[in-house]
Structure formats: structure tokens, C-alpha cells
Amino acid sequence: MNIFGFKTTIFLPKSLFFFSVLAKLMQVMNTETLIHQILNSSHYNEIFSRFTFKKQYIDYLKVLHPDICSHPQATEAVIKINIYKEELDKYQKIKDDGGVMQIINPNHIILNGDESLLKKSFANFDKLTKLKDEASKHFRKYLPDNVEWKGDKLELHHKEDIIPLTGLLLPEKHVTWLTSRLFEFVAWLNQVGFCHAGLNPESIAVVPKTHGIVVLSFYHLIQTNQKLSTISNKYLNWYPNSIFTEKKAIPYIDLTLVQRTALYLLGDKTGTGVKLKKTNTPNLIDFLLESHSLPYETFDAYRKLLHSLFGKAKFYPLEI
């Protein structure tokens, strides 16, 4: 009885029933939205995070598995997330120039393979970390925090979570700052007298939290103007044609590889990029397609181009 003398007990079950129906309706709506999002996606990063995809996959199955979900397109959605999951699993073990790069967790990577190349990469990493000039102290953050031998493998550790660029597709607003970091890195390498000669999606990782980069391997690094001893076999068509005749380590190589990597991240895995003008800022694509040979001047010109196109730099959270 309430203060007005009416029984109120019948209202509680009705209220619970209403909220139960509402909850089921919301679940159906959420499922409908999820299925629509999956079926209309064109890349795994629209559905999954590279950091948490294994847990996400299980969570999706709990909602969409045909034994649970009666939606007519549930099976189709599960097939598509299975395809994405298989692709993401491949990125846990990535073939690179030295052999296999295994992602243990977001800040722990193991390199395993050609012993001579692994030793060369480690020696070159050690060489760069021992540079004591002020610029090199600044660029230390572009290298892994720690690289050490564990048996016949190299183990890389970094305090922040990192993701190799392999398989990534990023919006223009993120590719612009990432490319700027890479041009800056090349300018520093040239300043201290080195050519990396192997910048590509497997040798570079992004740090989403801080908008940083980490260069993971140094298999081909050599002093500037020396004769190249090795280059990346996987990305032979990314190198400027001149190196196959001159075979000299010059900054033009690194700048070209940065440009190819940027085009790759924008969605053109060939690294040629012409078709990208339809979906990205044409002047930006033009810059990435032009030849550049002077590292600092290229970095400076690129920054000025970004400012003229997009104004003052902004920090856009990167969710991968």
C-alpha cells in the first residue's frame, strides 16, 4: 500500500518486464549495428585493434556465433571476422629481412633468423646508441629502449607499446606526422654519417600513445657514400634505380624508402601511389612521388608543406 491507499506491488513486475524488453531490444539493435559495421568494413582496423584483437574476437563470437545469434547475416559476419583474425594472426609473426619478427606483446619483439644479419643489426644499433652528441641523445627515442641477445635470437624491448607498420592502413592525418618523423630520422642519420638502406614497414614501428616511431632493425645500415653490402630483397622495387648501377649508400635511398612507406600506409602497397590522389590531398601525394636527395632540406620542405596544407599541427589520438 502507498500513502494514497493503492497497492503498488503490481507495478514492480511490470517495470522489470519493461526494462527486460528494452534491454533485449537494445541488444538486438547493437547486434544489428555490429553486423552492419562488420559487413561494410574493408579493412581489419575498422573492426579490430592490433593490441587487443584476440579478446575482441572472442567477445564478437559471444554475440554473433550462429548458435547464439539468430540474425540472418550473423554467419556472414562471423566468416568476415574470421578472415580478419587470420590476417591479424599473421602479423604476430612477420617475415623481415633477417628472418622472422615475432610479436610477444606490444613492447616485446623477438628477431630470429640469419645470424650474420642479426649480428650486423645489433652492432649497428649499439653503434648508434653510443653516439654522444646532443642530436643523437634526442634521437635515442627513435630506437628501441633495449636490444639484447637471448641465445641465437635478438630481443627488443620498449617502454611504450609499439606496432610494426606491416599491414597498417592509416588516415592521411596520421601518415603526415609519421612521415615527418621518418624524414627527421633520415636527416639525423645523414648528419651522423649513416644510411639505413632498409627502411620499410617491417623495420619501423609506430608508438600510438606518443605519436613516435621506433626503428626496429639495422640489417643494411652503412656509412654514407660507402658501397652497399646488402639491401632488402622483399622491397627491391622500392629502391631508386640508380643504386643498382652505382651501389652507393646515399641519403636519396632512405628518403625514397620513407616516401614509399608513406604511400604504403595510405593504402597503396606497391608504393607507387598515383591512384591515391583521388582519396588524399593531391599536393601531399605529389611531394611523396617527387625525387628528394637532401635530407634536412626535404624534412624542412615537408614541414612547410604540411603547414600550408593543414595549418598548425594538431594531435589526433591514434587508435590501432
C-alpha atoms as a PDB file:
ATOM      1  CA  MET A   1       0.000   0.000   0.000  1.00  0.00           C
ATOM      2  CA  ASN A   2       1.229   3.504  -0.726  1.00  0.00           C
ATOM      3  CA  ILE A   3       0.267   6.742   1.006  1.00  0.00           C
ATOM      4  CA  PHE A   4      -2.764   7.034  -1.250  1.00  0.00           C
ATOM      5  CA  GLY A   5      -4.059   3.627  -0.195  1.00  0.00           C
ATOM      6  CA  PHE A   6      -3.405   1.849  -3.536  1.00  0.00           C
ATOM      7  CA  LYS A   7      -1.500  -1.401  -3.986  1.00  0.00           C
ATOM      8  CA  THR A   8       1.746  -0.836  -5.791  1.00  0.00           C
ATOM      9  CA  THR A   9       3.202  -4.341  -5.913  1.00  0.00           C
ATOM     10  CA  ILE A  10       1.880  -4.948  -9.448  1.00  0.00           C
ATOM     11  CA  PHE A  11       3.924  -2.066 -10.824  1.00  0.00           C
ATOM     12  CA  LEU A  12       7.306  -3.569  -9.928  1.00  0.00           C
ATOM     13  CA  PRO A  13       6.988  -6.687 -12.115  1.00  0.00           C
ATOM     14  CA  LYS A  14       5.636  -4.565 -14.969  1.00  0.00           C
ATOM     15  CA  SER A  15       8.587  -2.234 -14.598  1.00  0.00           C
ATOM     16  CA  LEU A  16      11.050  -5.138 -14.606  1.00  0.00           C
ATOM     17  CA  PHE A  17       9.350  -6.627 -17.637  1.00  0.00           C
ATOM     18  CA  PHE A  18       9.580  -3.298 -19.458  1.00  0.00           C
ATOM     19  CA  PHE A  19      13.282  -2.944 -18.763  1.00  0.00           C
ATOM     20  CA  SER A  20      13.879  -6.568 -19.721  1.00  0.00           C
ATOM     21  CA  VAL A  21      12.179  -5.998 -23.076  1.00  0.00           C
ATOM     22  CA  LEU A  22      14.085  -2.731 -23.511  1.00  0.00           C
ATOM     23  CA  ALA A  23      17.400  -4.457 -22.763  1.00  0.00           C
ATOM     24  CA  LYS A  24      16.668  -7.163 -25.333  1.00  0.00           C
ATOM     25  CA  LEU A  25      15.658  -4.543 -27.882  1.00  0.00           C
ATOM     26  CA  MET A  26      18.888  -2.618 -27.295  1.00  0.00           C
ATOM     27  CA  GLN A  27      20.880  -5.837 -27.648  1.00  0.00           C
ATOM     28  CA  VAL A  28      19.185  -6.583 -30.970  1.00  0.00           C
ATOM     29  CA  MET A  29      19.881  -3.024 -32.128  1.00  0.00           C
ATOM     30  CA  ASN A  30      23.535  -3.277 -31.030  1.00  0.00           C
ATOM     31  CA  THR A  31      23.889  -6.626 -32.781  1.00  0.00           C
ATOM     32  CA  GLU A  32      22.330  -5.193 -35.922  1.00  0.00           C
ATOM     33  CA  THR A  33      24.754  -2.252 -35.803  1.00  0.00           C
ATOM     34  CA  LEU A  34      27.746  -4.531 -35.206  1.00  0.00           C
ATOM     35  CA  ILE A  35      26.845  -6.830 -38.094  1.00  0.00           C
ATOM     36  CA  HIS A  36      26.309  -3.847 -40.376  1.00  0.00           C
ATOM     37  CA  GLN A  37      29.694  -2.415 -39.365  1.00  0.00           C
ATOM     38  CA  ILE A  38      31.491  -5.714 -39.979  1.00  0.00           C
ATOM     39  CA  LEU A  39      29.877  -6.421 -43.337  1.00  0.00           C
ATOM     40  CA  ASN A  40      30.539  -2.888 -44.577  1.00  0.00           C
ATOM     41  CA  SER A  41      34.175  -2.823 -43.439  1.00  0.00           C
ATOM     42  CA  SER A  42      37.027  -3.064 -45.932  1.00  0.00           C
ATOM     43  CA  HIS A  43      39.977  -3.402 -43.528  1.00  0.00           C
ATOM     44  CA  TYR A  44      40.510  -5.173 -40.235  1.00  0.00           C
ATOM     45  CA  ASN A  45      41.341  -1.915 -38.445  1.00  0.00           C
ATOM     46  CA  GLU A  46      37.710  -0.838 -38.771  1.00  0.00           C
ATOM     47  CA  ILE A  47      36.737  -3.757 -36.530  1.00  0.00           C
ATOM     48  CA  PHE A  48      39.801  -4.817 -34.541  1.00  0.00           C
ATOM     49  CA  SER A  49      42.666  -3.274 -32.599  1.00  0.00           C
ATOM     50  CA  ARG A  50      46.134  -4.718 -33.235  1.00  0.00           C
ATOM     51  CA  PHE A  51      46.715  -4.583 -29.465  1.00  0.00           C
ATOM     52  CA  THR A  52      43.547  -6.368 -28.291  1.00  0.00           C
ATOM     53  CA  PHE A  53      42.213  -8.265 -31.310  1.00  0.00           C
ATOM     54  CA  LYS A  54      42.315 -11.689 -29.628  1.00  0.00           C
ATOM     55  CA  LYS A  55      39.999 -10.599 -26.825  1.00  0.00           C
ATOM     56  CA  GLN A  56      37.804  -8.638 -29.234  1.00  0.00           C
ATOM     57  CA  TYR A  57      37.428 -11.703 -31.435  1.00  0.00           C
ATOM     58  CA  ILE A  58      36.156 -13.795 -28.520  1.00  0.00           C
ATOM     59  CA  ASP A  59      33.778 -11.006 -27.486  1.00  0.00           C
ATOM     60  CA  TYR A  60      32.376 -10.794 -31.021  1.00  0.00           C
ATOM     61  CA  LEU A  61      31.819 -14.554 -31.149  1.00  0.00           C
ATOM     62  CA  LYS A  62      29.897 -14.420 -27.875  1.00  0.00           C
ATOM     63  CA  VAL A  63      27.425 -12.110 -29.596  1.00  0.00           C
ATOM     64  CA  LEU A  64      27.455 -13.263 -33.216  1.00  0.00           C
ATOM     65  CA  HIS A  65      28.020 -17.015 -33.227  1.00  0.00           C
ATOM     66  CA  PRO A  66      25.123 -18.654 -35.138  1.00  0.00           C
ATOM     67  CA  ASP A  67      24.373 -20.889 -32.128  1.00  0.00           C
ATOM     68  CA  ILE A  68      23.644 -17.717 -30.163  1.00  0.00           C
ATOM     69  CA  CYS A  69      22.564 -15.102 -32.690  1.00  0.00           C
ATOM     70  CA  SER A  70      19.506 -15.591 -34.901  1.00  0.00           C
ATOM     71  CA  HIS A  71      20.239 -12.645 -37.170  1.00  0.00           C
ATOM     72  CA  PRO A  72      20.160 -13.837 -40.806  1.00  0.00           C
ATOM     73  CA  GLN A  73      23.573 -12.270 -41.543  1.00  0.00           C
ATOM     74  CA  ALA A  74      25.320 -13.439 -38.376  1.00  0.00           C
ATOM     75  CA  THR A  75      27.108 -16.290 -40.156  1.00  0.00           C
ATOM     76  CA  GLU A  76      28.347 -13.945 -42.872  1.00  0.00           C
ATOM     77  CA  ALA A  77      29.669 -11.544 -40.224  1.00  0.00           C
ATOM     78  CA  VAL A  78      31.473 -14.363 -38.393  1.00  0.00           C
ATOM     79  CA  ILE A  79      33.094 -15.509 -41.646  1.00  0.00           C
ATOM     80  CA  LYS A  80      34.402 -11.985 -42.208  1.00  0.00           C
ATOM     81  CA  ILE A  81      35.833 -11.564 -38.696  1.00  0.00           C
ATOM     82  CA  ASN A  82      37.467 -14.984 -39.082  1.00  0.00           C
ATOM     83  CA  ILE A  83      39.251 -13.684 -42.189  1.00  0.00           C
ATOM     84  CA  TYR A  84      40.379 -10.563 -40.304  1.00  0.00           C
ATOM     85  CA  LYS A  85      41.535 -12.687 -37.355  1.00  0.00           C
ATOM     86  CA  GLU A  86      43.631 -14.898 -39.645  1.00  0.00           C
ATOM     87  CA  GLU A  87      45.279 -11.803 -41.127  1.00  0.00           C
ATOM     88  CA  LEU A  88      45.991 -10.344 -37.691  1.00  0.00           C
ATOM     89  CA  ASP A  89      47.458 -13.643 -36.500  1.00  0.00           C
ATOM     90  CA  LYS A  90      49.942 -13.404 -39.382  1.00  0.00           C
ATOM     91  CA  TYR A  91      51.137 -10.045 -38.047  1.00  0.00           C
ATOM     92  CA  GLN A  92      52.210 -11.737 -34.810  1.00  0.00           C
ATOM     93  CA  LYS A  93      54.987 -13.428 -36.809  1.00  0.00           C
ATOM     94  CA  ILE A  94      56.248 -11.203 -39.599  1.00  0.00           C
ATOM     95  CA  LYS A  95      58.914 -12.104 -42.137  1.00  0.00           C
ATOM     96  CA  ASP A  96      61.545  -9.391 -42.319  1.00  0.00           C
ATOM     97  CA  ASP A  97      64.949  -9.060 -43.977  1.00  0.00           C
ATOM     98  CA  GLY A  98      66.657 -11.013 -41.196  1.00  0.00           C
ATOM     99  CA  GLY A  99      64.145 -13.830 -40.865  1.00  0.00           C
ATOM    100  CA  VAL A 100      61.113 -13.713 -38.577  1.00  0.00           C
ATOM    101  CA  MET A 101      59.964 -10.936 -36.271  1.00  0.00           C
ATOM    102  CA  GLN A 102      57.764 -12.352 -33.508  1.00  0.00           C
ATOM    103  CA  ILE A 103      55.490 -10.024 -31.535  1.00  0.00           C
ATOM    104  CA  ILE A 104      55.458 -11.372 -27.981  1.00  0.00           C
ATOM    105  CA  ASN A 105      53.475  -8.426 -26.634  1.00  0.00           C
ATOM    106  CA  PRO A 106      53.131  -4.743 -27.620  1.00  0.00           C
ATOM    107  CA  ASN A 107      56.516  -3.814 -26.131  1.00  0.00           C
ATOM    108  CA  HIS A 108      58.465  -7.033 -26.616  1.00  0.00           C
ATOM    109  CA  ILE A 109      59.648  -8.317 -30.011  1.00  0.00           C
ATOM    110  CA  ILE A 110      61.971 -11.203 -30.892  1.00  0.00           C
ATOM    111  CA  LEU A 111      64.062 -11.266 -34.079  1.00  0.00           C
ATOM    112  CA  ASN A 112      65.131 -14.698 -35.275  1.00  0.00           C
ATOM    113  CA  GLY A 113      66.821 -15.821 -38.485  1.00  0.00           C
ATOM    114  CA  ASP A 114      70.025 -15.114 -40.396  1.00  0.00           C
ATOM    115  CA  GLU A 115      72.721 -14.946 -37.722  1.00  0.00           C
ATOM    116  CA  SER A 116      75.045 -12.691 -39.722  1.00  0.00           C
ATOM    117  CA  LEU A 117      72.283 -10.133 -40.368  1.00  0.00           C
ATOM    118  CA  LEU A 118      71.118 -10.246 -36.749  1.00  0.00           C
ATOM    119  CA  LYS A 119      74.682  -9.622 -35.576  1.00  0.00           C
ATOM    120  CA  LYS A 120      75.020  -6.758 -38.035  1.00  0.00           C
ATOM    121  CA  SER A 121      71.747  -5.207 -36.859  1.00  0.00           C
ATOM    122  CA  PHE A 122      72.800  -5.493 -33.214  1.00  0.00           C
ATOM    123  CA  ALA A 123      76.238  -3.997 -33.896  1.00  0.00           C
ATOM    124  CA  ASN A 124      74.687  -1.091 -35.794  1.00  0.00           C
ATOM    125  CA  PHE A 125      72.135  -0.475 -33.033  1.00  0.00           C
ATOM    126  CA  ASP A 126      74.965  -0.468 -30.492  1.00  0.00           C
ATOM    127  CA  LYS A 127      76.949   1.942 -32.663  1.00  0.00           C
ATOM    128  CA  LEU A 128      74.049   4.421 -32.854  1.00  0.00           C
ATOM    129  CA  THR A 129      73.325   4.301 -29.120  1.00  0.00           C
ATOM    130  CA  LYS A 130      76.934   5.189 -28.326  1.00  0.00           C
ATOM    131  CA  LEU A 131      76.834   8.494 -30.218  1.00  0.00           C
ATOM    132  CA  LYS A 132      77.139  11.256 -27.620  1.00  0.00           C
ATOM    133  CA  ASP A 133      76.294  14.479 -29.484  1.00  0.00           C
ATOM    134  CA  GLU A 134      73.141  16.364 -28.436  1.00  0.00           C
ATOM    135  CA  ALA A 135      71.185  15.467 -31.569  1.00  0.00           C
ATOM    136  CA  SER A 136      71.892  11.768 -31.051  1.00  0.00           C
ATOM    137  CA  LYS A 137      70.662  11.981 -27.461  1.00  0.00           C
ATOM    138  CA  HIS A 138      67.376  13.353 -28.812  1.00  0.00           C
ATOM    139  CA  PHE A 139      67.064  10.650 -31.469  1.00  0.00           C
ATOM    140  CA  ARG A 140      67.736   7.865 -28.975  1.00  0.00           C
ATOM    141  CA  LYS A 141      63.938   7.743 -28.503  1.00  0.00           C
ATOM    142  CA  TYR A 142      63.622   6.623 -32.134  1.00  0.00           C
ATOM    143  CA  LEU A 143      65.460   3.411 -31.241  1.00  0.00           C
ATOM    144  CA  PRO A 144      64.289   0.507 -29.046  1.00  0.00           C
ATOM    145  CA  ASP A 145      64.936   1.051 -25.348  1.00  0.00           C
ATOM    146  CA  ASN A 146      66.860  -2.196 -25.129  1.00  0.00           C
ATOM    147  CA  VAL A 147      68.168  -4.816 -27.563  1.00  0.00           C
ATOM    148  CA  GLU A 148      69.908  -7.930 -26.241  1.00  0.00           C
ATOM    149  CA  TRP A 149      70.887 -11.435 -27.272  1.00  0.00           C
ATOM    150  CA  LYS A 150      68.910 -14.378 -25.899  1.00  0.00           C
ATOM    151  CA  GLY A 151      70.566 -17.471 -27.293  1.00  0.00           C
ATOM    152  CA  ASP A 152      70.611 -17.043 -31.067  1.00  0.00           C
ATOM    153  CA  LYS A 153      67.766 -14.503 -31.052  1.00  0.00           C
ATOM    154  CA  LEU A 154      67.607 -10.741 -30.620  1.00  0.00           C
ATOM    155  CA  GLU A 155      65.086  -9.450 -28.097  1.00  0.00           C
ATOM    156  CA  LEU A 156      63.768  -5.888 -28.384  1.00  0.00           C
ATOM    157  CA  HIS A 157      62.065  -4.095 -25.517  1.00  0.00           C
ATOM    158  CA  HIS A 158      60.447  -0.676 -25.442  1.00  0.00           C
ATOM    159  CA  LYS A 159      58.714   1.083 -22.562  1.00  0.00           C
ATOM    160  CA  GLU A 160      55.789   2.217 -24.733  1.00  0.00           C
ATOM    161  CA  ASP A 161      53.542  -0.068 -26.754  1.00  0.00           C
ATOM    162  CA  ILE A 162      54.663  -0.231 -30.376  1.00  0.00           C
ATOM    163  CA  ILE A 163      53.242  -1.724 -33.580  1.00  0.00           C
ATOM    164  CA  PRO A 164      55.288  -2.575 -36.698  1.00  0.00           C
ATOM    165  CA  LEU A 165      53.912  -0.803 -39.768  1.00  0.00           C
ATOM    166  CA  THR A 166      53.339  -4.089 -41.614  1.00  0.00           C
ATOM    167  CA  GLY A 167      49.718  -4.351 -42.719  1.00  0.00           C
ATOM    168  CA  LEU A 168      48.683  -0.961 -41.359  1.00  0.00           C
ATOM    169  CA  LEU A 169      46.298   1.324 -43.222  1.00  0.00           C
ATOM    170  CA  LEU A 170      46.215   4.808 -41.707  1.00  0.00           C
ATOM    171  CA  PRO A 171      44.278   8.007 -42.413  1.00  0.00           C
ATOM    172  CA  GLU A 172      46.181  10.845 -44.049  1.00  0.00           C
ATOM    173  CA  LYS A 173      46.162  12.867 -40.809  1.00  0.00           C
ATOM    174  CA  HIS A 174      48.318  10.174 -39.171  1.00  0.00           C
ATOM    175  CA  VAL A 175      50.532   9.331 -42.137  1.00  0.00           C
ATOM    176  CA  THR A 176      51.563  13.001 -42.344  1.00  0.00           C
ATOM    177  CA  TRP A 177      53.114  13.183 -38.871  1.00  0.00           C
ATOM    178  CA  LEU A 178      54.569   9.689 -39.080  1.00  0.00           C
ATOM    179  CA  THR A 179      56.290  10.558 -42.361  1.00  0.00           C
ATOM    180  CA  SER A 180      57.613  13.749 -40.789  1.00  0.00           C
ATOM    181  CA  ARG A 181      59.228  11.686 -38.011  1.00  0.00           C
ATOM    182  CA  LEU A 182      60.830   9.433 -40.617  1.00  0.00           C
ATOM    183  CA  PHE A 183      62.207  12.320 -42.667  1.00  0.00           C
ATOM    184  CA  GLU A 184      63.625  13.755 -39.445  1.00  0.00           C
ATOM    185  CA  PHE A 185      65.206  10.397 -38.594  1.00  0.00           C
ATOM    186  CA  VAL A 186      66.855  10.209 -42.026  1.00  0.00           C
ATOM    187  CA  ALA A 187      68.178  13.765 -41.608  1.00  0.00           C
ATOM    188  CA  TRP A 188      69.772  12.770 -38.304  1.00  0.00           C
ATOM    189  CA  LEU A 189      71.275   9.577 -39.733  1.00  0.00           C
ATOM    190  CA  ASN A 190      72.809  11.562 -42.565  1.00  0.00           C
ATOM    191  CA  GLN A 191      74.144  14.139 -40.106  1.00  0.00           C
ATOM    192  CA  VAL A 192      75.999  11.434 -38.167  1.00  0.00           C
ATOM    193  CA  GLY A 193      77.230   9.824 -41.384  1.00  0.00           C
ATOM    194  CA  PHE A 194      74.961   6.831 -41.966  1.00  0.00           C
ATOM    195  CA  CYS A 195      72.488   5.474 -44.498  1.00  0.00           C
ATOM    196  CA  HIS A 196      69.919   2.998 -43.151  1.00  0.00           C
ATOM    197  CA  ALA A 197      69.255   1.451 -46.591  1.00  0.00           C
ATOM    198  CA  GLY A 198      66.391  -0.707 -45.303  1.00  0.00           C
ATOM    199  CA  LEU A 199      63.529   1.490 -44.113  1.00  0.00           C
ATOM    200  CA  ASN A 200      60.285  -0.380 -44.772  1.00  0.00           C
ATOM    201  CA  PRO A 201      57.112  -1.488 -42.931  1.00  0.00           C
ATOM    202  CA  GLU A 202      58.947  -4.314 -41.149  1.00  0.00           C
ATOM    203  CA  SER A 203      61.839  -2.193 -39.883  1.00  0.00           C
ATOM    204  CA  ILE A 204      59.687   0.624 -38.466  1.00  0.00           C
ATOM    205  CA  ALA A 205      57.152   0.650 -35.638  1.00  0.00           C
ATOM    206  CA  VAL A 206      54.736   3.366 -34.591  1.00  0.00           C
ATOM    207  CA  VAL A 207      54.177   4.442 -30.983  1.00  0.00           C
ATOM    208  CA  PRO A 208      50.448   5.307 -30.958  1.00  0.00           C
ATOM    209  CA  LYS A 209      50.414   6.878 -27.486  1.00  0.00           C
ATOM    210  CA  THR A 210      53.103   9.488 -28.133  1.00  0.00           C
ATOM    211  CA  HIS A 211      52.974   9.819 -31.944  1.00  0.00           C
ATOM    212  CA  GLY A 212      56.510   8.499 -32.088  1.00  0.00           C
ATOM    213  CA  ILE A 213      58.374   5.968 -34.194  1.00  0.00           C
ATOM    214  CA  VAL A 214      60.875   3.249 -33.342  1.00  0.00           C
ATOM    215  CA  VAL A 215      63.266   1.813 -35.912  1.00  0.00           C
ATOM    216  CA  LEU A 216      63.495  -1.889 -35.115  1.00  0.00           C
ATOM    217  CA  SER A 217      66.326  -3.246 -37.252  1.00  0.00           C
ATOM    218  CA  PHE A 218      69.548  -2.106 -38.910  1.00  0.00           C
ATOM    219  CA  TYR A 219      70.487  -5.013 -41.186  1.00  0.00           C
ATOM    220  CA  HIS A 220      71.677  -2.796 -44.038  1.00  0.00           C
ATOM    221  CA  LEU A 221      72.928   0.316 -42.208  1.00  0.00           C
ATOM    222  CA  ILE A 222      76.252   1.554 -43.564  1.00  0.00           C
ATOM    223  CA  GLN A 223      78.363   4.704 -43.601  1.00  0.00           C
ATOM    224  CA  THR A 224      77.262   7.279 -46.152  1.00  0.00           C
ATOM    225  CA  ASN A 225      78.966   7.075 -49.559  1.00  0.00           C
ATOM    226  CA  GLN A 226      80.289   3.569 -48.892  1.00  0.00           C
ATOM    227  CA  LYS A 227      79.467   0.695 -51.220  1.00  0.00           C
ATOM    228  CA  LEU A 228      76.204  -1.001 -50.222  1.00  0.00           C
ATOM    229  CA  SER A 229      76.712  -4.524 -48.934  1.00  0.00           C
ATOM    230  CA  THR A 230      73.041  -5.578 -48.596  1.00  0.00           C
ATOM    231  CA  ILE A 231      69.555  -4.206 -49.288  1.00  0.00           C
ATOM    232  CA  SER A 232      66.039  -5.526 -48.717  1.00  0.00           C
ATOM    233  CA  ASN A 233      65.173  -8.290 -51.157  1.00  0.00           C
ATOM    234  CA  LYS A 234      61.452  -8.001 -50.363  1.00  0.00           C
ATOM    235  CA  TYR A 235      61.347  -4.314 -51.323  1.00  0.00           C
ATOM    236  CA  LEU A 236      63.739  -4.275 -54.275  1.00  0.00           C
ATOM    237  CA  ASN A 237      61.239  -2.333 -56.386  1.00  0.00           C
ATOM    238  CA  TRP A 238      61.072   0.413 -53.749  1.00  0.00           C
ATOM    239  CA  TYR A 239      64.704   1.430 -54.241  1.00  0.00           C
ATOM    240  CA  PRO A 240      65.686   4.134 -56.742  1.00  0.00           C
ATOM    241  CA  ASN A 241      67.019   2.606 -59.944  1.00  0.00           C
ATOM    242  CA  SER A 242      70.343   4.399 -59.616  1.00  0.00           C
ATOM    243  CA  ILE A 243      71.504   2.234 -56.716  1.00  0.00           C
ATOM    244  CA  PHE A 244      71.636  -0.861 -58.899  1.00  0.00           C
ATOM    245  CA  THR A 245      74.304   0.762 -61.048  1.00  0.00           C
ATOM    246  CA  GLU A 246      76.141   2.956 -58.544  1.00  0.00           C
ATOM    247  CA  LYS A 247      75.582   0.741 -55.447  1.00  0.00           C
ATOM    248  CA  LYS A 248      76.496   3.654 -53.202  1.00  0.00           C
ATOM    249  CA  ALA A 249      74.922   4.411 -49.803  1.00  0.00           C
ATOM    250  CA  ILE A 250      73.401   7.865 -50.251  1.00  0.00           C
ATOM    251  CA  PRO A 251      70.542   9.633 -48.415  1.00  0.00           C
ATOM    252  CA  TYR A 252      68.450   9.562 -51.587  1.00  0.00           C
ATOM    253  CA  ILE A 253      67.886   5.864 -50.822  1.00  0.00           C
ATOM    254  CA  ASP A 254      66.496   6.483 -47.329  1.00  0.00           C
ATOM    255  CA  LEU A 255      64.326   9.386 -48.464  1.00  0.00           C
ATOM    256  CA  THR A 256      62.853   7.282 -51.262  1.00  0.00           C
ATOM    257  CA  LEU A 257      62.118   4.412 -48.866  1.00  0.00           C
ATOM    258  CA  VAL A 258      60.367   6.802 -46.470  1.00  0.00           C
ATOM    259  CA  GLN A 259      58.195   8.059 -49.325  1.00  0.00           C
ATOM    260  CA  ARG A 260      57.341   4.503 -50.385  1.00  0.00           C
ATOM    261  CA  THR A 261      56.466   3.606 -46.811  1.00  0.00           C
ATOM    262  CA  ALA A 262      54.136   6.608 -46.549  1.00  0.00           C
ATOM    263  CA  LEU A 263      52.324   5.574 -49.744  1.00  0.00           C
ATOM    264  CA  TYR A 264      52.065   2.036 -48.359  1.00  0.00           C
ATOM    265  CA  LEU A 265      50.404   3.323 -45.180  1.00  0.00           C
ATOM    266  CA  LEU A 266      47.932   5.354 -47.229  1.00  0.00           C
ATOM    267  CA  GLY A 267      46.779   2.169 -48.918  1.00  0.00           C
ATOM    268  CA  ASP A 268      48.977   1.599 -51.956  1.00  0.00           C
ATOM    269  CA  LYS A 269      51.012  -1.489 -51.078  1.00  0.00           C
ATOM    270  CA  THR A 270      53.019  -1.173 -54.295  1.00  0.00           C
ATOM    271  CA  GLY A 271      54.464   2.109 -53.042  1.00  0.00           C
ATOM    272  CA  THR A 272      53.792   3.834 -56.368  1.00  0.00           C
ATOM    273  CA  GLY A 273      50.888   5.905 -55.078  1.00  0.00           C
ATOM    274  CA  VAL A 274      49.450   7.561 -58.187  1.00  0.00           C
ATOM    275  CA  LYS A 275      45.908   6.319 -57.527  1.00  0.00           C
ATOM    276  CA  LEU A 276      45.995   7.870 -54.036  1.00  0.00           C
ATOM    277  CA  LYS A 277      45.361  11.372 -55.415  1.00  0.00           C
ATOM    278  CA  LYS A 278      41.667  10.523 -55.680  1.00  0.00           C
ATOM    279  CA  THR A 279      41.317   9.968 -51.936  1.00  0.00           C
ATOM    280  CA  ASN A 280      44.058  12.148 -50.437  1.00  0.00           C
ATOM    281  CA  THR A 281      45.424  15.687 -50.713  1.00  0.00           C
ATOM    282  CA  PRO A 282      46.979  15.848 -54.225  1.00  0.00           C
ATOM    283  CA  ASN A 283      49.851  18.169 -53.231  1.00  0.00           C
ATOM    284  CA  LEU A 284      50.845  15.777 -50.466  1.00  0.00           C
ATOM    285  CA  ILE A 285      50.888  12.812 -52.842  1.00  0.00           C
ATOM    286  CA  ASP A 286      52.880  14.855 -55.364  1.00  0.00           C
ATOM    287  CA  PHE A 287      55.550  15.518 -52.723  1.00  0.00           C
ATOM    288  CA  LEU A 288      55.722  11.817 -51.898  1.00  0.00           C
ATOM    289  CA  LEU A 289      56.136  10.954 -55.572  1.00  0.00           C
ATOM    290  CA  GLU A 290      58.859  13.511 -56.306  1.00  0.00           C
ATOM    291  CA  SER A 291      62.576  12.745 -56.007  1.00  0.00           C
ATOM    292  CA  HIS A 292      64.343  14.160 -52.937  1.00  0.00           C
ATOM    293  CA  SER A 293      68.042  13.830 -52.213  1.00  0.00           C
ATOM    294  CA  LEU A 294      68.876  16.317 -49.421  1.00  0.00           C
ATOM    295  CA  PRO A 295      67.619  15.015 -46.044  1.00  0.00           C
ATOM    296  CA  TYR A 296      67.319  18.149 -43.919  1.00  0.00           C
ATOM    297  CA  GLU A 297      66.051  20.277 -46.806  1.00  0.00           C
ATOM    298  CA  THR A 298      63.444  17.592 -47.562  1.00  0.00           C
ATOM    299  CA  PHE A 299      62.350  17.443 -43.928  1.00  0.00           C
ATOM    300  CA  ASP A 300      62.082  21.240 -43.771  1.00  0.00           C
ATOM    301  CA  ALA A 301      60.192  21.478 -47.077  1.00  0.00           C
ATOM    302  CA  TYR A 302      57.818  18.733 -45.949  1.00  0.00           C
ATOM    303  CA  ARG A 303      57.020  20.517 -42.680  1.00  0.00           C
ATOM    304  CA  LYS A 304      56.331  23.746 -44.559  1.00  0.00           C
ATOM    305  CA  LEU A 305      54.082  21.875 -46.983  1.00  0.00           C
ATOM    306  CA  LEU A 306      52.073  20.369 -44.126  1.00  0.00           C
ATOM    307  CA  HIS A 307      51.654  23.795 -42.544  1.00  0.00           C
ATOM    308  CA  SER A 308      50.484  25.320 -45.819  1.00  0.00           C
ATOM    309  CA  LEU A 309      48.016  22.479 -46.403  1.00  0.00           C
ATOM    310  CA  PHE A 310      46.700  21.824 -42.907  1.00  0.00           C
ATOM    311  CA  GLY A 311      47.754  24.742 -40.702  1.00  0.00           C
ATOM    312  CA  LYS A 312      49.150  24.333 -37.203  1.00  0.00           C
ATOM    313  CA  ALA A 313      49.921  20.739 -36.269  1.00  0.00           C
ATOM    314  CA  LYS A 314      47.279  19.011 -34.151  1.00  0.00           C
ATOM    315  CA  PHE A 315      47.484  15.894 -32.010  1.00  0.00           C
ATOM    316  CA  TYR A 316      44.999  13.290 -33.226  1.00  0.00           C
ATOM    317  CA  PRO A 317      44.725  10.222 -30.965  1.00  0.00           C
ATOM    318  CA  LEU A 318      45.839   7.162 -32.910  1.00  0.00           C
ATOM    319  CA  GLU A 319      43.750   4.087 -32.169  1.00  0.00           C
ATOM    320  CA  ILE A 320      45.075   0.945 -33.811  1.00  0.00           C
END
